[in-house]
Structures are given as structure tokens and as C-alpha cells.
Amino acid sequence: MTFCVHCGRPPADGDHTPCRGGRAALEPPRFCGECARRMIVQITPAGWSARCSRHGESTSAGTLALTD
């Protein structure tokens, strides 16, 4: 992972304590870990899905669907 999926910054950039907290573990990723783009996030009663326009979709089920 090149970027933090909760704040979009590189891991070495600043304090990521809030990003690693217990509450953050329950949140879906908001930024792509590959390119730091803001992702489109859909939250449902069954879980969540997050889609990066460049790197595809990830879900709370742990699957990854890549797009071109």
C-alpha cells in the first residue's frame, strides 16, 4: 500500500494514529491505496464496496474486481 486508505496521505507523511484506531477499522476505505484517488463508496446493510476509477472495486467481502 502506497497511500493510507483513510486519509489519502503517504504512510510516512504525518500522524496516522486516527487512521489506525478502532473506529477506523470499521470504516470503509475512502481513498485508493495505490493512487490516493478519492473512491466512490457504497454502504449497504450487508457491507460496503469502494471503487477507484483506475484500480477497480474492493468490497467488505474481500474480493477485488479490476477494471481497464
C-alpha atoms as a PDB file:
ATOM      1  CA  MET A   1       0.000   0.000   0.000  1.00  0.00           C
ATOM      2  CA  THR A   2       1.458   3.309  -1.099  1.00  0.00           C
ATOM      3  CA  PHE A   3      -1.190   5.603   0.446  1.00  0.00           C
ATOM      4  CA  CYS A   4      -3.398   5.493   3.540  1.00  0.00           C
ATOM      5  CA  VAL A   5      -6.914   4.354   2.573  1.00  0.00           C
ATOM      6  CA  HIS A   6      -8.496   6.558   5.257  1.00  0.00           C
ATOM      7  CA  CYS A   7      -6.789   9.929   4.685  1.00  0.00           C
ATOM      8  CA  GLY A   8      -5.051   9.536   1.305  1.00  0.00           C
ATOM      9  CA  ARG A   9      -1.586  10.573   2.513  1.00  0.00           C
ATOM     10  CA  PRO A  10       1.630   8.527   2.255  1.00  0.00           C
ATOM     11  CA  PRO A  11       2.293   6.439   5.387  1.00  0.00           C
ATOM     12  CA  ALA A  12       5.402   8.478   6.246  1.00  0.00           C
ATOM     13  CA  ASP A  13       3.509  11.790   5.972  1.00  0.00           C
ATOM     14  CA  GLY A  14       2.257  12.937   9.359  1.00  0.00           C
ATOM     15  CA  ASP A  15       0.443  11.233  12.210  1.00  0.00           C
ATOM     16  CA  HIS A  16      -1.801   8.331  11.192  1.00  0.00           C
ATOM     17  CA  THR A  17      -2.947   7.426  14.709  1.00  0.00           C
ATOM     18  CA  PRO A  18      -6.620   8.239  13.922  1.00  0.00           C
ATOM     19  CA  CYS A  19      -6.351   6.144  10.742  1.00  0.00           C
ATOM     20  CA  ARG A  20      -5.265   3.083  12.745  1.00  0.00           C
ATOM     21  CA  GLY A  21      -7.766   3.413  15.582  1.00  0.00           C
ATOM     22  CA  GLY A  22     -10.544   1.007  16.410  1.00  0.00           C
ATOM     23  CA  ARG A  23     -13.199   3.164  14.795  1.00  0.00           C
ATOM     24  CA  ALA A  24     -11.205   3.413  11.545  1.00  0.00           C
ATOM     25  CA  ALA A  25     -11.111  -0.386  11.339  1.00  0.00           C
ATOM     26  CA  LEU A  26     -14.903  -0.337  10.981  1.00  0.00           C
ATOM     27  CA  GLU A  27     -14.911   2.336   8.257  1.00  0.00           C
ATOM     28  CA  PRO A  28     -14.655   1.515   4.540  1.00  0.00           C
ATOM     29  CA  PRO A  29     -11.641   2.879   2.684  1.00  0.00           C
ATOM     30  CA  ARG A  30     -12.195   6.374   1.286  1.00  0.00           C
ATOM     31  CA  PHE A  31      -9.004   6.672  -0.768  1.00  0.00           C
ATOM     32  CA  CYS A  32      -7.314   4.203  -3.126  1.00  0.00           C
ATOM     33  CA  GLY A  33      -4.195   2.677  -1.552  1.00  0.00           C
ATOM     34  CA  GLU A  34      -2.492   2.587  -4.982  1.00  0.00           C
ATOM     35  CA  CYS A  35      -3.047   6.142  -6.257  1.00  0.00           C
ATOM     36  CA  ALA A  36      -4.726   8.112  -3.407  1.00  0.00           C
ATOM     37  CA  ARG A  37      -7.734   8.973  -5.578  1.00  0.00           C
ATOM     38  CA  ARG A  38     -10.987   9.516  -3.730  1.00  0.00           C
ATOM     39  CA  MET A  39     -13.134   6.417  -4.205  1.00  0.00           C
ATOM     40  CA  ILE A  40     -16.874   6.040  -4.712  1.00  0.00           C
ATOM     41  CA  VAL A  41     -18.120   4.214  -1.614  1.00  0.00           C
ATOM     42  CA  GLN A  42     -21.457   2.409  -1.304  1.00  0.00           C
ATOM     43  CA  ILE A  43     -22.538   1.246   2.153  1.00  0.00           C
ATOM     44  CA  THR A  44     -25.332  -1.316   2.468  1.00  0.00           C
ATOM     45  CA  PRO A  45     -26.687  -3.384   5.366  1.00  0.00           C
ATOM     46  CA  ALA A  46     -24.681  -6.327   4.021  1.00  0.00           C
ATOM     47  CA  GLY A  47     -21.335  -4.475   3.830  1.00  0.00           C
ATOM     48  CA  TRP A  48     -19.601  -1.918   1.619  1.00  0.00           C
ATOM     49  CA  SER A  49     -17.972  -1.523  -1.780  1.00  0.00           C
ATOM     50  CA  ALA A  50     -15.414   1.076  -2.832  1.00  0.00           C
ATOM     51  CA  ARG A  51     -14.487   1.798  -6.452  1.00  0.00           C
ATOM     52  CA  CYS A  52     -11.385   3.540  -7.779  1.00  0.00           C
ATOM     53  CA  SER A  53     -11.687   4.814 -11.351  1.00  0.00           C
ATOM     54  CA  ARG A  54      -8.214   3.416 -12.119  1.00  0.00           C
ATOM     55  CA  HIS A  55      -7.808   0.319  -9.939  1.00  0.00           C
ATOM     56  CA  GLY A  56     -11.260  -1.235  -9.730  1.00  0.00           C
ATOM     57  CA  GLU A  57     -13.527  -2.224  -6.894  1.00  0.00           C
ATOM     58  CA  SER A  58     -12.951  -3.695  -3.453  1.00  0.00           C
ATOM     59  CA  THR A  59     -15.639  -4.879  -1.058  1.00  0.00           C
ATOM     60  CA  SER A  60     -16.020  -5.800   2.571  1.00  0.00           C
ATOM     61  CA  ALA A  61     -16.187  -9.401   1.351  1.00  0.00           C
ATOM     62  CA  GLY A  62     -12.521  -9.056   0.378  1.00  0.00           C
ATOM     63  CA  THR A  63     -12.919  -9.503  -3.368  1.00  0.00           C
ATOM     64  CA  LEU A  64     -11.281  -7.291  -5.925  1.00  0.00           C
ATOM     65  CA  ALA A  65     -12.727  -6.694  -9.381  1.00  0.00           C
ATOM     66  CA  LEU A  66     -10.241  -4.992 -11.671  1.00  0.00           C
ATOM     67  CA  THR A  67     -11.286  -2.697 -14.488  1.00  0.00           C
ATOM     68  CA  ASP A  68      -9.404  -1.490 -17.555  1.00  0.00           C
END
